[in-house]
Amino acid sequence: MKRLLCLLLVFPMLAAADESLIRLKEGPGKDLVIAKCAICHSLDYIPMNSPFLDPAGWAKEIDKMVKLGAPIQVDEIPVLLRYLNSNYGR
């Protein structure tokens, strides 16, 4: 029982530690991308999807996230798109 409790307490910390290993490219908008994207999913989705997404693809992804409830304001979308297309565009 003590082992199970220990695992339940430690596992979330390990998961959070793994996220800190993901380093996005430096550039204007990086902090906003981290703040908005990491709320819902791991940041590794960004470099993982970059070979497949051109500007139209990133726009569709952001639109999809907004429709799913991501807390992205309309005026933040161009900043997100510029960062993603400049650093992770196909």
PDB file of N, CA and C in Angstrom:
ATOM      1  N   MET A   1       0.819  -1.197   0.000  1.00  0.00           N
ATOM      2  CA  MET A   1       0.000   0.000   0.000  1.00  0.00           C
ATOM      3  C   MET A   1       0.861   1.259   0.000  1.00  0.00           C
ATOM      4  N   LYS A   2       1.942   1.233   0.792  1.00  0.00           N
ATOM      5  CA  LYS A   2       2.815   2.403   0.842  1.00  0.00           C
ATOM      6  C   LYS A   2       3.484   2.647  -0.508  1.00  0.00           C
ATOM      7  N   ARG A   3       3.841   1.566  -1.193  1.00  0.00           N
ATOM      8  CA  ARG A   3       4.451   1.719  -2.519  1.00  0.00           C
ATOM      9  C   ARG A   3       3.485   2.353  -3.503  1.00  0.00           C
ATOM     10  N   LEU A   4       2.250   1.922  -3.470  1.00  0.00           N
ATOM     11  CA  LEU A   4       1.253   2.482  -4.363  1.00  0.00           C
ATOM     12  C   LEU A   4       1.052   3.962  -4.086  1.00  0.00           C
ATOM     13  N   LEU A   5       0.955   4.324  -2.834  1.00  0.00           N
ATOM     14  CA  LEU A   5       0.795   5.727  -2.469  1.00  0.00           C
ATOM     15  C   LEU A   5       1.992   6.545  -2.930  1.00  0.00           C
ATOM     16  N   CYS A   6       3.171   5.998  -2.743  1.00  0.00           N
ATOM     17  CA  CYS A   6       4.391   6.682  -3.176  1.00  0.00           C
ATOM     18  C   CYS A   6       4.378   6.899  -4.686  1.00  0.00           C
ATOM     19  N   LEU A   7       4.006   5.882  -5.447  1.00  0.00           N
ATOM     20  CA  LEU A   7       3.941   6.006  -6.896  1.00  0.00           C
ATOM     21  C   LEU A   7       2.911   7.049  -7.322  1.00  0.00           C
ATOM     22  N   LEU A   8       1.783   7.066  -6.663  1.00  0.00           N
ATOM     23  CA  LEU A   8       0.742   8.033  -6.999  1.00  0.00           C
ATOM     24  C   LEU A   8       1.196   9.463  -6.720  1.00  0.00           C
ATOM     25  N   LEU A   9       2.027   9.636  -5.718  1.00  0.00           N
ATOM     26  CA  LEU A   9       2.523  10.971  -5.394  1.00  0.00           C
ATOM     27  C   LEU A   9       3.689  11.376  -6.290  1.00  0.00           C
ATOM     28  N   VAL A  10       4.501  10.436  -6.685  1.00  0.00           N
ATOM     29  CA  VAL A  10       5.697  10.740  -7.468  1.00  0.00           C
ATOM     30  C   VAL A  10       5.398  10.832  -8.959  1.00  0.00           C
ATOM     31  N   PHE A  11       4.490  10.036  -9.465  1.00  0.00           N
ATOM     32  CA  PHE A  11       4.225   9.994 -10.905  1.00  0.00           C
ATOM     33  C   PHE A  11       3.910  11.363 -11.505  1.00  0.00           C
ATOM     34  N   PRO A  12       3.017  12.165 -10.907  1.00  0.00           N
ATOM     35  CA  PRO A  12       2.757  13.486 -11.502  1.00  0.00           C
ATOM     36  C   PRO A  12       4.007  14.357 -11.564  1.00  0.00           C
ATOM     37  N   MET A  13       4.886  14.244 -10.606  1.00  0.00           N
ATOM     38  CA  MET A  13       6.118  15.026 -10.636  1.00  0.00           C
ATOM     39  C   MET A  13       7.020  14.568 -11.779  1.00  0.00           C
ATOM     40  N   LEU A  14       7.053  13.268 -12.043  1.00  0.00           N
ATOM     41  CA  LEU A  14       7.864  12.762 -13.139  1.00  0.00           C
ATOM     42  C   LEU A  14       7.320  13.231 -14.479  1.00  0.00           C
ATOM     43  N   ALA A  15       6.019  13.227 -14.608  1.00  0.00           N
ATOM     44  CA  ALA A  15       5.404  13.689 -15.853  1.00  0.00           C
ATOM     45  C   ALA A  15       5.714  15.158 -16.093  1.00  0.00           C
ATOM     46  N   ALA A  16       5.644  15.973 -15.059  1.00  0.00           N
ATOM     47  CA  ALA A  16       5.958  17.390 -15.190  1.00  0.00           C
ATOM     48  C   ALA A  16       7.431  17.585 -15.520  1.00  0.00           C
ATOM     49  N   ALA A  17       8.284  16.775 -14.946  1.00  0.00           N
ATOM     50  CA  ALA A  17       9.717  16.894 -15.213  1.00  0.00           C
ATOM     51  C   ALA A  17      10.018  16.604 -16.671  1.00  0.00           C
ATOM     52  N   ASP A  18       9.348  15.630 -17.261  1.00  0.00           N
ATOM     53  CA  ASP A  18       9.567  15.300 -18.670  1.00  0.00           C
ATOM     54  C   ASP A  18       9.230  16.486 -19.567  1.00  0.00           C
ATOM     55  N   GLU A  19       8.179  17.212 -19.253  1.00  0.00           N
ATOM     56  CA  GLU A  19       7.766  18.358 -20.060  1.00  0.00           C
ATOM     57  C   GLU A  19       8.848  19.432 -20.065  1.00  0.00           C
ATOM     58  N   SER A  20       9.568  19.562 -18.982  1.00  0.00           N
ATOM     59  CA  SER A  20      10.591  20.598 -18.912  1.00  0.00           C
ATOM     60  C   SER A  20      11.764  20.310 -19.839  1.00  0.00           C
ATOM     61  N   LEU A  21      11.894  19.079 -20.331  1.00  0.00           N
ATOM     62  CA  LEU A  21      12.976  18.736 -21.237  1.00  0.00           C
ATOM     63  C   LEU A  21      12.720  19.227 -22.663  1.00  0.00           C
ATOM     64  N   ILE A  22      11.500  19.578 -22.977  1.00  0.00           N
ATOM     65  CA  ILE A  22      11.150  20.037 -24.310  1.00  0.00           C
ATOM     66  C   ILE A  22      11.552  21.497 -24.441  1.00  0.00           C
ATOM     67  N   ARG A  23      12.391  21.783 -25.413  1.00  0.00           N
ATOM     68  CA  ARG A  23      12.875  23.140 -25.649  1.00  0.00           C
ATOM     69  C   ARG A  23      12.428  23.591 -27.038  1.00  0.00           C
ATOM     70  N   LEU A  24      11.592  24.596 -27.069  1.00  0.00           N
ATOM     71  CA  LEU A  24      11.183  25.155 -28.349  1.00  0.00           C
ATOM     72  C   LEU A  24      12.233  26.158 -28.812  1.00  0.00           C
ATOM     73  N   LYS A  25      12.273  26.381 -30.106  1.00  0.00           N
ATOM     74  CA  LYS A  25      13.216  27.337 -30.685  1.00  0.00           C
ATOM     75  C   LYS A  25      12.932  28.738 -30.157  1.00  0.00           C
ATOM     76  N   GLU A  26      13.994  29.521 -29.997  1.00  0.00           N
ATOM     77  CA  GLU A  26      13.850  30.907 -29.551  1.00  0.00           C
ATOM     78  C   GLU A  26      13.236  31.741 -30.668  1.00  0.00           C
ATOM     79  N   GLY A  27      12.442  32.722 -30.282  1.00  0.00           N
ATOM     80  CA  GLY A  27      11.868  33.625 -31.265  1.00  0.00           C
ATOM     81  C   GLY A  27      10.703  34.379 -30.679  1.00  0.00           C
ATOM     82  N   PRO A  28      10.341  35.491 -31.329  1.00  0.00           N
ATOM     83  CA  PRO A  28       9.184  36.261 -30.862  1.00  0.00           C
ATOM     84  C   PRO A  28       7.930  35.401 -30.871  1.00  0.00           C
ATOM     85  N   GLY A  29       7.230  35.379 -29.767  1.00  0.00           N
ATOM     86  CA  GLY A  29       6.007  34.602 -29.645  1.00  0.00           C
ATOM     87  C   GLY A  29       6.191  33.281 -28.925  1.00  0.00           C
ATOM     88  N   LYS A  30       7.428  32.884 -28.655  1.00  0.00           N
ATOM     89  CA  LYS A  30       7.678  31.603 -27.998  1.00  0.00           C
ATOM     90  C   LYS A  30       6.966  31.506 -26.653  1.00  0.00           C
ATOM     91  N   ASP A  31       7.064  32.547 -25.843  1.00  0.00           N
ATOM     92  CA  ASP A  31       6.427  32.514 -24.515  1.00  0.00           C
ATOM     93  C   ASP A  31       4.913  32.370 -24.620  1.00  0.00           C
ATOM     94  N   LEU A  32       4.324  33.024 -25.599  1.00  0.00           N
ATOM     95  CA  LEU A  32       2.873  32.912 -25.791  1.00  0.00           C
ATOM     96  C   LEU A  32       2.501  31.503 -26.233  1.00  0.00           C
ATOM     97  N   VAL A  33       3.289  30.920 -27.133  1.00  0.00           N
ATOM     98  CA  VAL A  33       3.039  29.541 -27.579  1.00  0.00           C
ATOM     99  C   VAL A  33       3.097  28.595 -26.387  1.00  0.00           C
ATOM    100  N   ILE A  34       4.126  28.743 -25.557  1.00  0.00           N
ATOM    101  CA  ILE A  34       4.235  27.882 -24.380  1.00  0.00           C
ATOM    102  C   ILE A  34       3.036  28.076 -23.471  1.00  0.00           C
ATOM    103  N   ALA A  35       2.686  29.331 -23.212  1.00  0.00           N
ATOM    104  CA  ALA A  35       1.582  29.619 -22.295  1.00  0.00           C
ATOM    105  C   ALA A  35       0.251  29.078 -22.796  1.00  0.00           C
ATOM    106  N   LYS A  36       0.004  29.182 -24.079  1.00  0.00           N
ATOM    107  CA  LYS A  36      -1.302  28.783 -24.620  1.00  0.00           C
ATOM    108  C   LYS A  36      -1.378  27.303 -24.978  1.00  0.00           C
ATOM    109  N   CYS A  37      -0.306  26.753 -25.502  1.00  0.00           N
ATOM    110  CA  CYS A  37      -0.353  25.367 -25.985  1.00  0.00           C
ATOM    111  C   CYS A  37      -0.186  24.342 -24.866  1.00  0.00           C
ATOM    112  N   ALA A  38       0.704  24.631 -23.931  1.00  0.00           N
ATOM    113  CA  ALA A  38       0.995  23.657 -22.872  1.00  0.00           C
ATOM    114  C   ALA A  38      -0.149  23.503 -21.875  1.00  0.00           C
ATOM    115  N   ILE A  39      -1.130  24.371 -21.939  1.00  0.00           N
ATOM    116  CA  ILE A  39      -2.296  24.234 -21.064  1.00  0.00           C
ATOM    117  C   ILE A  39      -3.036  22.936 -21.377  1.00  0.00           C
ATOM    118  N   CYS A  40      -3.076  22.576 -22.660  1.00  0.00           N
ATOM    119  CA  CYS A  40      -3.885  21.433 -23.080  1.00  0.00           C
ATOM    120  C   CYS A  40      -3.089  20.196 -23.486  1.00  0.00           C
ATOM    121  N   HIS A  41      -1.868  20.387 -23.967  1.00  0.00           N
ATOM    122  CA  HIS A  41      -1.113  19.230 -24.444  1.00  0.00           C
ATOM    123  C   HIS A  41       0.379  19.470 -24.309  1.00  0.00           C
ATOM    124  N   SER A  42       1.123  18.417 -24.517  1.00  0.00           N
ATOM    125  CA  SER A  42       2.578  18.487 -24.439  1.00  0.00           C
ATOM    126  C   SER A  42       3.132  19.343 -25.568  1.00  0.00           C
ATOM    127  N   LEU A  43       4.192  20.058 -25.285  1.00  0.00           N
ATOM    128  CA  LEU A  43       4.808  20.901 -26.306  1.00  0.00           C
ATOM    129  C   LEU A  43       5.512  20.097 -27.389  1.00  0.00           C
ATOM    130  N   ASP A  44       5.742  18.820 -27.163  1.00  0.00           N
ATOM    131  CA  ASP A  44       6.407  18.031 -28.198  1.00  0.00           C
ATOM    132  C   ASP A  44       5.551  17.858 -29.448  1.00  0.00           C
ATOM    133  N   TYR A  45       4.258  18.162 -29.347  1.00  0.00           N
ATOM    134  CA  TYR A  45       3.396  18.114 -30.536  1.00  0.00           C
ATOM    135  C   TYR A  45       3.849  19.125 -31.587  1.00  0.00           C
ATOM    136  N   ILE A  46       4.444  20.229 -31.146  1.00  0.00           N
ATOM    137  CA  ILE A  46       4.838  21.280 -32.088  1.00  0.00           C
ATOM    138  C   ILE A  46       5.948  20.789 -33.016  1.00  0.00           C
ATOM    139  N   PRO A  47       7.123  20.389 -32.517  1.00  0.00           N
ATOM    140  CA  PRO A  47       8.132  19.899 -33.452  1.00  0.00           C
ATOM    141  C   PRO A  47       7.731  18.588 -34.144  1.00  0.00           C
ATOM    142  N   MET A  48       6.932  17.772 -33.466  1.00  0.00           N
ATOM    143  CA  MET A  48       6.503  16.502 -34.039  1.00  0.00           C
ATOM    144  C   MET A  48       5.632  16.723 -35.286  1.00  0.00           C
ATOM    145  N   ASN A  49       4.793  17.753 -35.260  1.00  0.00           N
ATOM    146  CA  ASN A  49       3.897  18.019 -36.389  1.00  0.00           C
ATOM    147  C   ASN A  49       4.500  18.942 -37.441  1.00  0.00           C
ATOM    148  N   SER A  50       5.645  19.561 -37.138  1.00  0.00           N
ATOM    149  CA  SER A  50       6.204  20.562 -38.042  1.00  0.00           C
ATOM    150  C   SER A  50       6.500  20.047 -39.452  1.00  0.00           C
ATOM    151  N   PRO A  51       6.907  18.804 -39.639  1.00  0.00           N
ATOM    152  CA  PRO A  51       7.155  18.372 -41.027  1.00  0.00           C
ATOM    153  C   PRO A  51       5.893  18.332 -41.891  1.00  0.00           C
ATOM    154  N   PHE A  52       4.747  18.348 -41.261  1.00  0.00           N
ATOM    155  CA  PHE A  52       3.491  18.186 -41.986  1.00  0.00           C
ATOM    156  C   PHE A  52       2.694  19.474 -42.145  1.00  0.00           C
ATOM    157  N   LEU A  53       3.030  20.518 -41.369  1.00  0.00           N
ATOM    158  CA  LEU A  53       2.175  21.703 -41.330  1.00  0.00           C
ATOM    159  C   LEU A  53       2.827  22.910 -41.996  1.00  0.00           C
ATOM    160  N   ASP A  54       2.158  23.416 -43.017  1.00  0.00           N
ATOM    161  CA  ASP A  54       2.537  24.666 -43.652  1.00  0.00           C
ATOM    162  C   ASP A  54       1.694  25.769 -43.005  1.00  0.00           C
ATOM    163  N   PRO A  55       1.791  27.016 -43.451  1.00  0.00           N
ATOM    164  CA  PRO A  55       0.997  28.076 -42.820  1.00  0.00           C
ATOM    165  C   PRO A  55      -0.504  27.781 -42.730  1.00  0.00           C
ATOM    166  N   ALA A  56      -1.063  27.223 -43.790  1.00  0.00           N
ATOM    167  CA  ALA A  56      -2.497  26.890 -43.749  1.00  0.00           C
ATOM    168  C   ALA A  56      -2.770  25.787 -42.728  1.00  0.00           C
ATOM    169  N   GLY A  57      -1.856  24.844 -42.624  1.00  0.00           N
ATOM    170  CA  GLY A  57      -2.021  23.756 -41.659  1.00  0.00           C
ATOM    171  C   GLY A  57      -1.957  24.244 -40.221  1.00  0.00           C
ATOM    172  N   TRP A  58      -0.991  25.140 -39.927  1.00  0.00           N
ATOM    173  CA  TRP A  58      -0.913  25.695 -38.567  1.00  0.00           C
ATOM    174  C   TRP A  58      -2.164  26.514 -38.256  1.00  0.00           C
ATOM    175  N   ALA A  59      -2.667  27.257 -39.236  1.00  0.00           N
ATOM    176  CA  ALA A  59      -3.894  28.040 -39.020  1.00  0.00           C
ATOM    177  C   ALA A  59      -5.064  27.119 -38.691  1.00  0.00           C
ATOM    178  N   LYS A  60      -5.159  25.997 -39.395  1.00  0.00           N
ATOM    179  CA  LYS A  60      -6.242  25.037 -39.115  1.00  0.00           C
ATOM    180  C   LYS A  60      -6.089  24.429 -37.721  1.00  0.00           C
ATOM    181  N   GLU A  61      -4.842  24.146 -37.331  1.00  0.00           N
ATOM    182  CA  GLU A  61      -4.603  23.580 -35.997  1.00  0.00           C
ATOM    183  C   GLU A  61      -5.028  24.562 -34.907  1.00  0.00           C
ATOM    184  N   ILE A  62      -4.656  25.825 -35.066  1.00  0.00           N
ATOM    185  CA  ILE A  62      -5.035  26.825 -34.063  1.00  0.00           C
ATOM    186  C   ILE A  62      -6.545  26.985 -34.032  1.00  0.00           C
ATOM    187  N   ASP A  63      -7.172  27.036 -35.204  1.00  0.00           N
ATOM    188  CA  ASP A  63      -8.631  27.144 -35.267  1.00  0.00           C
ATOM    189  C   ASP A  63      -9.294  25.963 -34.562  1.00  0.00           C
ATOM    190  N   LYS A  64      -8.745  24.767 -34.785  1.00  0.00           N
ATOM    191  CA  LYS A  64      -9.280  23.572 -34.138  1.00  0.00           C
ATOM    192  C   LYS A  64      -9.155  23.688 -32.614  1.00  0.00           C
ATOM    193  N   MET A  65      -8.003  24.159 -32.138  1.00  0.00           N
ATOM    194  CA  MET A  65      -7.788  24.282 -30.696  1.00  0.00           C
ATOM    195  C   MET A  65      -8.742  25.303 -30.085  1.00  0.00           C
ATOM    196  N   VAL A  66      -8.956  26.402 -30.780  1.00  0.00           N
ATOM    197  CA  VAL A  66      -9.903  27.413 -30.294  1.00  0.00           C
ATOM    198  C   VAL A  66     -11.300  26.813 -30.192  1.00  0.00           C
ATOM    199  N   LYS A  67     -11.703  26.063 -31.212  1.00  0.00           N
ATOM    200  CA  LYS A  67     -13.027  25.421 -31.210  1.00  0.00           C
ATOM    201  C   LYS A  67     -13.151  24.391 -30.085  1.00  0.00           C
ATOM    202  N   LEU A  68     -12.016  23.775 -29.704  1.00  0.00           N
ATOM    203  CA  LEU A  68     -12.028  22.807 -28.607  1.00  0.00           C
ATOM    204  C   LEU A  68     -11.989  23.484 -27.233  1.00  0.00           C
ATOM    205  N   GLY A  69     -11.836  24.819 -27.233  1.00  0.00           N
ATOM    206  CA  GLY A  69     -11.881  25.551 -25.971  1.00  0.00           C
ATOM    207  C   GLY A  69     -10.564  26.101 -25.481  1.00  0.00           C
ATOM    208  N   ALA A  70      -9.531  26.069 -26.304  1.00  0.00           N
ATOM    209  CA  ALA A  70      -8.247  26.633 -25.883  1.00  0.00           C
ATOM    210  C   ALA A  70      -8.428  28.124 -25.593  1.00  0.00           C
ATOM    211  N   PRO A  71      -7.810  28.608 -24.526  1.00  0.00           N
ATOM    212  CA  PRO A  71      -7.983  30.011 -24.139  1.00  0.00           C
ATOM    213  C   PRO A  71      -7.110  30.947 -24.972  1.00  0.00           C
ATOM    214  N   ILE A  72      -7.397  31.016 -26.256  1.00  0.00           N
ATOM    215  CA  ILE A  72      -6.640  31.849 -27.183  1.00  0.00           C
ATOM    216  C   ILE A  72      -7.524  33.008 -27.623  1.00  0.00           C
ATOM    217  N   GLN A  73      -7.001  34.217 -27.456  1.00  0.00           N
ATOM    218  CA  GLN A  73      -7.727  35.411 -27.880  1.00  0.00           C
ATOM    219  C   GLN A  73      -7.468  35.664 -29.364  1.00  0.00           C
ATOM    220  N   VAL A  74      -8.394  36.323 -30.021  1.00  0.00           N
ATOM    221  CA  VAL A  74      -8.285  36.589 -31.458  1.00  0.00           C
ATOM    222  C   VAL A  74      -6.987  37.333 -31.788  1.00  0.00           C
ATOM    223  N   ASP A  75      -6.607  38.298 -30.961  1.00  0.00           N
ATOM    224  CA  ASP A  75      -5.398  39.078 -31.235  1.00  0.00           C
ATOM    225  C   ASP A  75      -4.111  38.286 -30.989  1.00  0.00           C
ATOM    226  N   GLU A  76      -4.202  37.128 -30.359  1.00  0.00           N
ATOM    227  CA  GLU A  76      -3.029  36.289 -30.126  1.00  0.00           C
ATOM    228  C   GLU A  76      -2.751  35.337 -31.293  1.00  0.00           C
ATOM    229  N   ILE A  77      -3.746  35.098 -32.106  1.00  0.00           N
ATOM    230  CA  ILE A  77      -3.608  34.137 -33.200  1.00  0.00           C
ATOM    231  C   ILE A  77      -2.482  34.522 -34.170  1.00  0.00           C
ATOM    232  N   PRO A  78      -2.379  35.783 -34.623  1.00  0.00           N
ATOM    233  CA  PRO A  78      -1.278  36.119 -35.532  1.00  0.00           C
ATOM    234  C   PRO A  78       0.108  35.914 -34.909  1.00  0.00           C
ATOM    235  N   VAL A  79       0.230  36.175 -33.613  1.00  0.00           N
ATOM    236  CA  VAL A  79       1.512  35.974 -32.931  1.00  0.00           C
ATOM    237  C   VAL A  79       1.863  34.486 -32.912  1.00  0.00           C
ATOM    238  N   LEU A  80       0.883  33.663 -32.584  1.00  0.00           N
ATOM    239  CA  LEU A  80       1.098  32.216 -32.574  1.00  0.00           C
ATOM    240  C   LEU A  80       1.473  31.712 -33.966  1.00  0.00           C
ATOM    241  N   LEU A  81       0.745  32.166 -34.966  1.00  0.00           N
ATOM    242  CA  LEU A  81       1.013  31.730 -36.340  1.00  0.00           C
ATOM    243  C   LEU A  81       2.396  32.155 -36.818  1.00  0.00           C
ATOM    244  N   ARG A  82       2.791  33.400 -36.518  1.00  0.00           N
ATOM    245  CA  ARG A  82       4.123  33.860 -36.935  1.00  0.00           C
ATOM    246  C   ARG A  82       5.211  32.997 -36.312  1.00  0.00           C
ATOM    247  N   TYR A  83       5.075  32.719 -35.016  1.00  0.00           N
ATOM    248  CA  TYR A  83       6.088  31.904 -34.350  1.00  0.00           C
ATOM    249  C   TYR A  83       6.127  30.488 -34.948  1.00  0.00           C
ATOM    250  N   LEU A  84       4.972  29.861 -35.053  1.00  0.00           N
ATOM    251  CA  LEU A  84       4.917  28.480 -35.541  1.00  0.00           C
ATOM    252  C   LEU A  84       5.411  28.367 -36.986  1.00  0.00           C
ATOM    253  N   ASN A  85       4.998  29.294 -37.834  1.00  0.00           N
ATOM    254  CA  ASN A  85       5.425  29.233 -39.228  1.00  0.00           C
ATOM    255  C   ASN A  85       6.906  29.560 -39.395  1.00  0.00           C
ATOM    256  N   SER A  86       7.414  30.500 -38.601  1.00  0.00           N
ATOM    257  CA  SER A  86       8.821  30.880 -38.707  1.00  0.00           C
ATOM    258  C   SER A  86       9.753  29.789 -38.194  1.00  0.00           C
ATOM    259  N   ASN A  87       9.328  29.089 -37.154  1.00  0.00           N
ATOM    260  CA  ASN A  87      10.206  28.131 -36.499  1.00  0.00           C
ATOM    261  C   ASN A  87       9.864  26.674 -36.762  1.00  0.00           C
ATOM    262  N   TYR A  88       8.618  26.405 -37.108  1.00  0.00           N
ATOM    263  CA  TYR A  88       8.185  25.020 -37.275  1.00  0.00           C
ATOM    264  C   TYR A  88       7.331  24.818 -38.522  1.00  0.00           C
ATOM    265  N   GLY A  89       7.440  25.730 -39.463  1.00  0.00           N
ATOM    266  CA  GLY A  89       6.679  25.595 -40.705  1.00  0.00           C
ATOM    267  C   GLY A  89       7.384  24.678 -41.690  1.00  0.00           C
ATOM    268  N   ARG A  90       6.618  24.045 -42.501  1.00  0.00           N
ATOM    269  CA  ARG A  90       7.163  23.121 -43.507  1.00  0.00           C
ATOM    270  C   ARG A  90       7.825  23.897 -44.594  1.00  0.00           C
TER     271      ARG A  90
END
